[in-house]
Protein backbone atom coordinates (compact mmCIF):
# COMPACT_ATOMS: atom_id res chain seq x y z
CA UNK A 1 95.89 83.51 81.07
CA UNK A 2 96.51 81.37 78.04
CA UNK A 3 98.88 83.48 75.89
CA UNK A 4 101.85 85.77 76.46
CA UNK A 5 99.85 88.68 75.00
CA UNK A 6 97.17 88.14 77.66
CA UNK A 7 99.81 87.99 80.40
CA UNK A 8 101.42 91.29 79.20
CA UNK A 9 97.99 92.92 79.18
CA UNK A 10 97.43 91.85 82.79
CA UNK A 11 100.94 92.87 83.85
CA UNK A 12 100.57 96.31 82.30
CA UNK A 13 97.11 96.96 83.81
CA UNK A 14 97.01 100.04 85.98
CA UNK A 15 95.50 98.00 88.90
CA UNK A 16 98.24 95.34 88.77
CA UNK A 17 100.35 95.50 91.95
CA UNK A 18 103.31 93.15 91.84
CA UNK A 19 103.42 93.06 95.66
CA UNK A 20 99.97 91.57 95.79
CA UNK A 21 99.10 90.22 92.38
CA UNK A 22 100.52 87.56 90.03
CA UNK A 23 99.67 86.27 86.60
CA UNK A 24 99.55 82.48 86.45
CA UNK A 25 99.11 80.03 83.60
CA UNK A 26 97.15 77.38 85.42
CA UNK A 27 94.62 77.57 88.21
CA UNK A 28 96.03 77.67 91.74
CA UNK A 29 94.18 77.66 95.04
CA UNK A 30 92.45 80.93 95.60
CA UNK A 31 92.80 80.91 99.37
CA UNK A 32 96.43 82.11 99.59
CA UNK A 33 97.77 83.89 102.67
CA UNK A 34 100.88 86.00 103.05
CA UNK A 35 104.00 84.05 104.07
CA UNK A 36 105.03 84.81 107.56
CA UNK A 37 108.74 84.60 106.68
CA UNK A 38 110.92 83.92 103.60
CA UNK A 39 114.60 83.80 102.99
CA UNK A 40 116.55 82.81 99.85
CA UNK A 41 120.25 81.93 99.84
CA UNK A 42 122.69 80.51 97.43
CA UNK A 43 124.20 77.18 98.54
CA UNK A 44 126.88 74.88 97.14
CA UNK A 45 125.80 72.76 94.21
CA UNK A 46 124.91 75.43 93.10
CA UNK A 47 121.41 75.56 94.39
CA UNK A 48 118.96 78.10 95.87
CA UNK A 49 117.63 77.30 99.24
CA UNK A 50 114.28 78.90 100.16
CA UNK A 51 113.36 78.85 103.83
CA UNK A 52 109.77 80.00 104.34
CA UNK A 53 106.84 79.67 106.65
CA UNK A 54 103.12 80.11 106.14
CA UNK A 55 100.13 79.67 108.44
CA UNK A 56 98.33 78.25 105.31
CA UNK A 57 99.16 78.15 101.62
CA UNK A 58 101.38 80.89 100.12
CA UNK A 59 103.04 81.82 96.85
CA UNK A 60 106.41 83.37 96.71
CA UNK A 61 107.61 85.02 93.55
CA UNK A 62 111.31 84.23 93.26
CA UNK A 63 113.82 86.45 91.49
CA UNK A 64 114.82 84.10 88.68
CA UNK A 65 113.45 82.83 85.37
CA UNK A 66 111.20 79.83 85.32
CA UNK A 67 112.23 76.67 83.54
CA UNK A 68 111.09 73.08 83.53
CA UNK A 69 114.71 72.26 84.32
CA UNK A 70 114.26 73.69 87.81
CA UNK A 71 113.65 71.01 90.44
CA UNK A 72 113.00 70.95 94.13
CA UNK A 73 115.70 68.54 95.25
CA UNK A 74 114.41 68.48 98.82
CA UNK A 75 111.63 70.18 100.69
CA UNK A 76 111.44 69.50 104.38
CA UNK A 77 108.58 69.99 106.77
CA UNK A 78 105.96 71.02 104.22
CA UNK A 79 104.72 70.76 100.68
CA UNK A 80 106.10 72.85 97.86
CA UNK A 81 106.07 73.05 94.03
CA UNK A 82 107.38 75.34 91.41
CA UNK A 83 105.09 77.13 88.95
CA UNK A 84 105.62 79.81 86.27
CA UNK A 85 104.31 83.22 87.33
CA UNK A 86 104.26 86.65 85.59
CA UNK A 87 105.16 85.02 82.29
CA UNK A 88 108.86 84.55 83.16
CA UNK A 89 109.40 84.28 86.90
CA UNK A 90 109.48 81.25 89.17
CA UNK A 91 106.78 80.89 91.84
CA UNK A 92 107.15 78.66 94.92
CA UNK A 93 103.69 77.47 95.99
CA UNK A 94 103.96 76.01 99.51
CA UNK A 95 102.30 75.16 102.72
CA UNK A 96 103.62 75.15 106.30
CA UNK A 97 107.31 75.46 107.00
CA UNK A 98 109.56 74.56 104.15
CA UNK A 99 113.27 74.47 103.31
CA UNK A 100 113.21 73.97 99.56
CA UNK A 101 116.47 73.30 97.78
CA UNK A 102 115.99 74.35 94.12
CA UNK A 103 118.44 73.11 91.54
CA UNK A 104 118.71 73.51 87.80
CA UNK A 105 119.36 70.20 86.01
CA UNK A 106 119.99 69.93 82.36
CA UNK A 107 122.50 68.02 80.28
CA UNK A 108 123.62 64.60 79.15
CA UNK A 109 123.43 63.07 82.63
CA UNK A 110 120.19 64.72 83.55
CA UNK A 111 116.74 64.80 82.04
CA UNK A 112 117.46 66.84 78.92
CA UNK A 113 113.80 66.84 77.84
CA UNK A 114 113.13 69.82 80.16
CA UNK A 115 114.52 72.25 77.56
CA UNK A 116 112.11 70.88 75.00
CA UNK A 117 109.32 71.36 77.54
CA UNK A 118 110.37 74.99 77.83
CA UNK A 119 110.18 75.40 74.12
CA UNK A 120 106.73 73.76 74.02
CA UNK A 121 105.56 76.14 76.74
CA UNK A 122 106.83 79.17 74.75
CA UNK A 123 105.00 77.90 71.65
CA UNK A 124 101.75 77.24 73.59
CA UNK A 125 101.98 80.79 75.07
CA UNK A 126 102.66 82.18 71.59
CA UNK A 127 105.64 84.03 73.07
CA UNK A 128 107.02 84.72 69.58
CA UNK A 129 103.97 86.84 68.76
CA UNK A 130 104.86 89.33 71.52
CA UNK A 131 108.66 89.51 71.13
CA UNK A 132 108.66 92.56 68.94
CA UNK A 133 106.49 94.35 71.46
CA UNK A 134 108.90 93.65 74.30
CA UNK A 135 111.42 96.42 74.61
CA UNK A 136 114.91 95.11 75.23
CA UNK A 137 116.34 98.61 75.93
CA UNK A 138 115.10 101.22 78.35
């Protein structure tokens, strides 16, 4: 998927099942397996802590919006990285057993270029072109 319009087409397709399918912007390994366990909790900081296990490589779709300002502060016992999925959500691509502490860092004392990166991503996806098509009310 290279544009927001393409993502919305895929997300609206009759055969799209959000329990088993995701729309990604960049290629990911195709040999994904279901996670054997996953738990998300809010911790002091504030931060989200994801504890998950996989017998191979798995992708969890997390219930919050993706931003380049999200960082994995610590991931123990496995490899993990954050990726955008389904146009707006955060995906955690990981292997093995992980405890990933996810933090949002933005401001004067942090790397403030991440918000500019978010804007560049929106421009590259041509998100503005689909905004009138997105219903904000139900």
